[in-house]
Amino acid sequence: MRFMLRTILLISVLLVLPSPAAWADGGPCPDDPVAAANCADQTPPYYVVINRSVEHFNRPATGCRPIILKHPECTDCTSSRCDIDIQQEVCQYLPAAPGDTLYAMCCNCATNPNGDWMYRIYRLDGTGGCTMTQDWTPGLPPNTGVALPIPFVVGGLAVLGVGLVGAGLVIKRRTMP
């Protein structure tokens, strides 16, 4: 019985180690899975995160899956280092109609090492241009969140599967003469 419990515990630990917790960004302004319950999964409006350490431009720009721009040097959203040319980097590539909205989100970690979200609002003109209509505002824009990454879902299912197999082995062992 002890051997089986040790084996189940070892397999569980080995499956949990490469799980999403190990793959998480872990940096300031972490994604909020709770907010994903009400995120916008259609455009417009469009959403873009301007200062992460990776770039994901091939995303739908929704509140659930925003475009992510690689500008890790931008730690103080209100400084001149964070004056990203949104029109050049994003607006001209969006299939927007005149009057559509774009929210540019920024993780501000200049005063708080954990980071505080801020956002700007841009009005798209439908020809690839955009104009800022509201400067940096604390918090997240409406209808934002995250889509759970595939590793998180797979890792959770793997842990659940190992737990069920372990429970089955324990029950089988107890019922055997």
C-alpha atoms as a PDB file:
ATOM      1  CA  MET A   1       0.000   0.000   0.000  1.00  0.00           C
ATOM      2  CA  ARG A   2       2.809   2.422   0.890  1.00  0.00           C
ATOM      3  CA  PHE A   3       4.591   1.689  -2.380  1.00  0.00           C
ATOM      4  CA  MET A   4       1.466   2.529  -4.357  1.00  0.00           C
ATOM      5  CA  LEU A   5       0.921   5.780  -2.439  1.00  0.00           C
ATOM      6  CA  ARG A   6       4.554   6.799  -2.990  1.00  0.00           C
ATOM      7  CA  THR A   7       4.242   6.028  -6.690  1.00  0.00           C
ATOM      8  CA  ILE A   8       1.053   8.061  -7.026  1.00  0.00           C
ATOM      9  CA  LEU A   9       2.615  10.960  -5.118  1.00  0.00           C
ATOM     10  CA  LEU A  10       5.743  10.880  -7.305  1.00  0.00           C
ATOM     11  CA  ILE A  11       3.717  10.820 -10.531  1.00  0.00           C
ATOM     12  CA  SER A  12       1.554  13.693  -9.269  1.00  0.00           C
ATOM     13  CA  VAL A  13       4.580  15.807  -8.404  1.00  0.00           C
ATOM     14  CA  LEU A  14       6.204  15.097 -11.769  1.00  0.00           C
ATOM     15  CA  LEU A  15       3.059  16.126 -13.620  1.00  0.00           C
ATOM     16  CA  VAL A  16       2.549  19.287 -11.598  1.00  0.00           C
ATOM     17  CA  LEU A  17       6.115  20.575 -12.074  1.00  0.00           C
ATOM     18  CA  PRO A  18       5.808  21.354 -15.802  1.00  0.00           C
ATOM     19  CA  SER A  19       2.284  22.681 -15.324  1.00  0.00           C
ATOM     20  CA  PRO A  20       1.219  26.232 -16.164  1.00  0.00           C
ATOM     21  CA  ALA A  21       2.455  27.592 -12.863  1.00  0.00           C
ATOM     22  CA  ALA A  22       5.967  26.974 -14.148  1.00  0.00           C
ATOM     23  CA  TRP A  23       5.113  28.616 -17.495  1.00  0.00           C
ATOM     24  CA  ALA A  24       3.347  31.649 -16.055  1.00  0.00           C
ATOM     25  CA  ASP A  25       4.774  35.080 -16.776  1.00  0.00           C
ATOM     26  CA  GLY A  26       5.316  35.710 -13.089  1.00  0.00           C
ATOM     27  CA  GLY A  27       6.097  39.350 -13.799  1.00  0.00           C
ATOM     28  CA  PRO A  28       4.252  42.485 -12.823  1.00  0.00           C
ATOM     29  CA  CYS A  29       0.581  42.916 -13.757  1.00  0.00           C
ATOM     30  CA  PRO A  30      -0.248  39.221 -14.073  1.00  0.00           C
ATOM     31  CA  ASP A  31      -3.243  38.200 -16.148  1.00  0.00           C
ATOM     32  CA  ASP A  32      -6.487  37.850 -14.213  1.00  0.00           C
ATOM     33  CA  PRO A  33      -8.415  34.651 -15.038  1.00  0.00           C
ATOM     34  CA  VAL A  34     -11.418  35.898 -13.016  1.00  0.00           C
ATOM     35  CA  ALA A  35     -11.805  38.879 -15.348  1.00  0.00           C
ATOM     36  CA  ALA A  36     -11.905  36.509 -18.324  1.00  0.00           C
ATOM     37  CA  ALA A  37     -15.480  35.590 -17.438  1.00  0.00           C
ATOM     38  CA  ASN A  38     -16.703  38.918 -18.852  1.00  0.00           C
ATOM     39  CA  CYS A  39     -14.098  39.592 -21.540  1.00  0.00           C
ATOM     40  CA  ALA A  40     -15.100  40.664 -25.043  1.00  0.00           C
ATOM     41  CA  ASP A  41     -14.412  37.845 -27.501  1.00  0.00           C
ATOM     42  CA  GLN A  42     -15.335  39.881 -30.594  1.00  0.00           C
ATOM     43  CA  THR A  43     -14.046  43.133 -32.064  1.00  0.00           C
ATOM     44  CA  PRO A  44     -14.575  46.089 -32.057  1.00  0.00           C
ATOM     45  CA  PRO A  45     -13.394  47.494 -29.708  1.00  0.00           C
ATOM     46  CA  TYR A  46      -9.797  46.425 -30.195  1.00  0.00           C
ATOM     47  CA  TYR A  47      -7.313  45.767 -27.382  1.00  0.00           C
ATOM     48  CA  VAL A  48      -3.503  45.874 -27.318  1.00  0.00           C
ATOM     49  CA  VAL A  49      -0.986  45.429 -24.481  1.00  0.00           C
ATOM     50  CA  ILE A  50       2.057  47.554 -25.246  1.00  0.00           C
ATOM     51  CA  ASN A  51       4.769  46.515 -22.790  1.00  0.00           C
ATOM     52  CA  ARG A  52       5.347  42.809 -22.392  1.00  0.00           C
ATOM     53  CA  SER A  53       8.565  40.861 -22.937  1.00  0.00           C
ATOM     54  CA  VAL A  54       7.079  38.843 -25.819  1.00  0.00           C
ATOM     55  CA  GLU A  55       5.172  39.835 -28.925  1.00  0.00           C
ATOM     56  CA  HIS A  56       1.950  38.236 -30.202  1.00  0.00           C
ATOM     57  CA  PHE A  57       0.637  40.222 -33.140  1.00  0.00           C
ATOM     58  CA  ASN A  58      -1.296  37.354 -34.726  1.00  0.00           C
ATOM     59  CA  ARG A  59      -4.093  37.519 -32.153  1.00  0.00           C
ATOM     60  CA  PRO A  60      -7.653  38.765 -32.779  1.00  0.00           C
ATOM     61  CA  ALA A  61      -7.189  41.931 -30.615  1.00  0.00           C
ATOM     62  CA  THR A  62     -10.226  41.111 -28.473  1.00  0.00           C
ATOM     63  CA  GLY A  63     -10.546  41.710 -24.752  1.00  0.00           C
ATOM     64  CA  CYS A  64      -9.915  37.990 -24.203  1.00  0.00           C
ATOM     65  CA  ARG A  65      -6.930  37.792 -26.579  1.00  0.00           C
ATOM     66  CA  PRO A  66      -5.341  41.216 -27.045  1.00  0.00           C
ATOM     67  CA  ILE A  67      -2.443  41.939 -29.358  1.00  0.00           C
ATOM     68  CA  ILE A  68       0.772  42.018 -27.327  1.00  0.00           C
ATOM     69  CA  LEU A  69       3.657  44.295 -28.303  1.00  0.00           C
ATOM     70  CA  LYS A  70       7.219  43.725 -27.137  1.00  0.00           C
ATOM     71  CA  HIS A  71       8.357  46.881 -25.333  1.00  0.00           C
ATOM     72  CA  PRO A  72       9.762  45.645 -21.980  1.00  0.00           C
ATOM     73  CA  GLU A  73      11.732  48.898 -21.523  1.00  0.00           C
ATOM     74  CA  CYS A  74       8.435  50.704 -20.959  1.00  0.00           C
ATOM     75  CA  THR A  75       8.055  50.491 -17.177  1.00  0.00           C
ATOM     76  CA  ASP A  76       6.565  53.937 -16.525  1.00  0.00           C
ATOM     77  CA  CYS A  77       3.572  54.238 -18.852  1.00  0.00           C
ATOM     78  CA  THR A  78       3.386  58.010 -18.542  1.00  0.00           C
ATOM     79  CA  SER A  79       7.042  58.626 -19.461  1.00  0.00           C
ATOM     80  CA  SER A  80       8.353  59.500 -22.909  1.00  0.00           C
ATOM     81  CA  ARG A  81       9.933  56.010 -23.161  1.00  0.00           C
ATOM     82  CA  CYS A  82       6.414  54.637 -23.496  1.00  0.00           C
ATOM     83  CA  ASP A  83       5.280  56.877 -26.328  1.00  0.00           C
ATOM     84  CA  ILE A  84       4.733  53.922 -28.626  1.00  0.00           C
ATOM     85  CA  ASP A  85       3.526  54.867 -32.104  1.00  0.00           C
ATOM     86  CA  ILE A  86       0.271  52.905 -31.950  1.00  0.00           C
ATOM     87  CA  GLN A  87      -0.763  54.094 -35.400  1.00  0.00           C
ATOM     88  CA  GLN A  88       2.446  52.768 -36.958  1.00  0.00           C
ATOM     89  CA  GLU A  89       2.565  49.504 -34.984  1.00  0.00           C
ATOM     90  CA  VAL A  90      -1.127  48.545 -34.735  1.00  0.00           C
ATOM     91  CA  CYS A  91      -3.826  50.839 -36.144  1.00  0.00           C
ATOM     92  CA  GLN A  92      -2.819  50.554 -39.788  1.00  0.00           C
ATOM     93  CA  TYR A  93      -3.182  46.756 -39.644  1.00  0.00           C
ATOM     94  CA  LEU A  94      -6.650  46.578 -38.083  1.00  0.00           C
ATOM     95  CA  PRO A  95      -9.756  46.007 -40.216  1.00  0.00           C
ATOM     96  CA  ALA A  96     -11.503  48.866 -38.442  1.00  0.00           C
ATOM     97  CA  ALA A  97     -14.452  51.014 -39.406  1.00  0.00           C
ATOM     98  CA  PRO A  98     -14.480  54.776 -38.784  1.00  0.00           C
ATOM     99  CA  GLY A  99     -15.250  55.473 -35.135  1.00  0.00           C
ATOM    100  CA  ASP A 100     -14.118  52.094 -33.763  1.00  0.00           C
ATOM    101  CA  THR A 101     -12.242  52.151 -30.449  1.00  0.00           C
ATOM    102  CA  LEU A 102      -8.819  50.778 -29.546  1.00  0.00           C
ATOM    103  CA  TYR A 103      -7.702  50.350 -25.936  1.00  0.00           C
ATOM    104  CA  ALA A 104      -3.922  50.395 -25.405  1.00  0.00           C
ATOM    105  CA  MET A 105      -3.084  48.779 -22.054  1.00  0.00           C
ATOM    106  CA  CYS A 106       0.182  49.252 -20.195  1.00  0.00           C
ATOM    107  CA  CYS A 107       1.618  47.610 -17.073  1.00  0.00           C
ATOM    108  CA  ASN A 108       2.980  50.516 -15.016  1.00  0.00           C
ATOM    109  CA  CYS A 109       5.624  49.281 -12.568  1.00  0.00           C
ATOM    110  CA  ALA A 110       7.544  52.511 -11.943  1.00  0.00           C
ATOM    111  CA  THR A 111       5.972  53.128  -8.519  1.00  0.00           C
ATOM    112  CA  ASN A 112       4.691  49.637  -7.660  1.00  0.00           C
ATOM    113  CA  PRO A 113       6.946  46.615  -8.361  1.00  0.00           C
ATOM    114  CA  ASN A 114       3.832  44.408  -8.678  1.00  0.00           C
ATOM    115  CA  GLY A 115       2.534  46.704 -11.395  1.00  0.00           C
ATOM    116  CA  ASP A 116      -0.674  48.635 -11.927  1.00  0.00           C
ATOM    117  CA  TRP A 117      -2.642  48.477 -15.162  1.00  0.00           C
ATOM    118  CA  MET A 118      -3.315  51.685 -17.105  1.00  0.00           C
ATOM    119  CA  TYR A 119      -4.965  52.269 -20.466  1.00  0.00           C
ATOM    120  CA  ARG A 120      -5.399  54.842 -23.229  1.00  0.00           C
ATOM    121  CA  ILE A 121      -8.289  55.147 -25.644  1.00  0.00           C
ATOM    122  CA  TYR A 122      -7.793  55.689 -29.369  1.00  0.00           C
ATOM    123  CA  ARG A 123     -10.445  56.419 -32.003  1.00  0.00           C
ATOM    124  CA  LEU A 124      -9.813  54.624 -35.319  1.00  0.00           C
ATOM    125  CA  ASP A 125     -10.564  56.433 -38.571  1.00  0.00           C
ATOM    126  CA  GLY A 126     -11.067  53.339 -40.769  1.00  0.00           C
ATOM    127  CA  THR A 127      -8.143  54.156 -43.073  1.00  0.00           C
ATOM    128  CA  GLY A 128      -5.328  52.889 -40.842  1.00  0.00           C
ATOM    129  CA  GLY A 129      -5.075  55.969 -38.677  1.00  0.00           C
ATOM    130  CA  CYS A 130      -6.000  56.544 -35.060  1.00  0.00           C
ATOM    131  CA  THR A 131      -6.200  59.467 -32.668  1.00  0.00           C
ATOM    132  CA  MET A 132      -5.781  59.332 -28.892  1.00  0.00           C
ATOM    133  CA  THR A 133      -8.992  60.492 -27.219  1.00  0.00           C
ATOM    134  CA  GLN A 134      -8.159  59.741 -23.582  1.00  0.00           C
ATOM    135  CA  ASP A 135      -4.738  59.731 -21.914  1.00  0.00           C
ATOM    136  CA  TRP A 136      -3.532  57.155 -19.372  1.00  0.00           C
ATOM    137  CA  THR A 137      -6.263  56.097 -16.975  1.00  0.00           C
ATOM    138  CA  PRO A 138      -5.644  53.768 -13.994  1.00  0.00           C
ATOM    139  CA  GLY A 139      -7.121  50.265 -14.178  1.00  0.00           C
ATOM    140  CA  LEU A 140      -8.148  48.035 -17.051  1.00  0.00           C
ATOM    141  CA  PRO A 141     -10.566  48.985 -19.813  1.00  0.00           C
ATOM    142  CA  PRO A 142     -13.998  47.340 -19.811  1.00  0.00           C
ATOM    143  CA  ASN A 143     -14.429  43.752 -20.983  1.00  0.00           C
ATOM    144  CA  THR A 144     -10.808  42.630 -20.672  1.00  0.00           C
ATOM    145  CA  GLY A 145      -9.519  39.333 -19.408  1.00  0.00           C
ATOM    146  CA  VAL A 146      -7.465  36.382 -20.563  1.00  0.00           C
ATOM    147  CA  ALA A 147      -8.096  33.213 -22.455  1.00  0.00           C
ATOM    148  CA  LEU A 148      -6.672  30.275 -20.521  1.00  0.00           C
ATOM    149  CA  PRO A 149      -3.554  29.041 -22.287  1.00  0.00           C
ATOM    150  CA  ILE A 150      -3.517  25.503 -23.625  1.00  0.00           C
ATOM    151  CA  PRO A 151      -0.762  24.346 -21.194  1.00  0.00           C
ATOM    152  CA  PHE A 152      -2.922  25.400 -18.254  1.00  0.00           C
ATOM    153  CA  VAL A 153      -5.869  23.325 -19.469  1.00  0.00           C
ATOM    154  CA  VAL A 154      -3.706  20.308 -20.370  1.00  0.00           C
ATOM    155  CA  GLY A 155      -1.832  20.489 -17.047  1.00  0.00           C
ATOM    156  CA  GLY A 156      -5.079  20.632 -15.086  1.00  0.00           C
ATOM    157  CA  LEU A 157      -6.521  17.662 -16.959  1.00  0.00           C
ATOM    158  CA  ALA A 158      -3.321  15.661 -16.437  1.00  0.00           C
ATOM    159  CA  VAL A 159      -3.370  16.279 -12.690  1.00  0.00           C
ATOM    160  CA  LEU A 160      -7.048  15.347 -12.549  1.00  0.00           C
ATOM    161  CA  GLY A 161      -6.369  12.162 -14.520  1.00  0.00           C
ATOM    162  CA  VAL A 162      -3.519  11.100 -12.235  1.00  0.00           C
ATOM    163  CA  GLY A 163      -5.716  11.733  -9.201  1.00  0.00           C
ATOM    164  CA  LEU A 164      -8.514   9.573 -10.610  1.00  0.00           C
ATOM    165  CA  VAL A 165      -6.121   6.748 -11.518  1.00  0.00           C
ATOM    166  CA  GLY A 166      -4.616   6.911  -8.045  1.00  0.00           C
ATOM    167  CA  ALA A 167      -8.024   6.789  -6.415  1.00  0.00           C
ATOM    168  CA  GLY A 168      -8.936   3.813  -8.581  1.00  0.00           C
ATOM    169  CA  LEU A 169      -5.767   1.945  -7.583  1.00  0.00           C
ATOM    170  CA  VAL A 170      -6.404   2.582  -3.905  1.00  0.00           C
ATOM    171  CA  ILE A 171     -10.007   1.359  -4.163  1.00  0.00           C
ATOM    172  CA  LYS A 172      -8.937  -1.718  -6.154  1.00  0.00           C
ATOM    173  CA  ARG A 173      -6.228  -2.518  -3.627  1.00  0.00           C
ATOM    174  CA  ARG A 174      -8.680  -2.281  -0.714  1.00  0.00           C
ATOM    175  CA  THR A 175     -11.262  -4.530  -2.366  1.00  0.00           C
ATOM    176  CA  MET A 176      -8.755  -7.267  -3.272  1.00  0.00           C
ATOM    177  CA  PRO A 177      -8.459 -10.166  -0.797  1.00  0.00           C
END
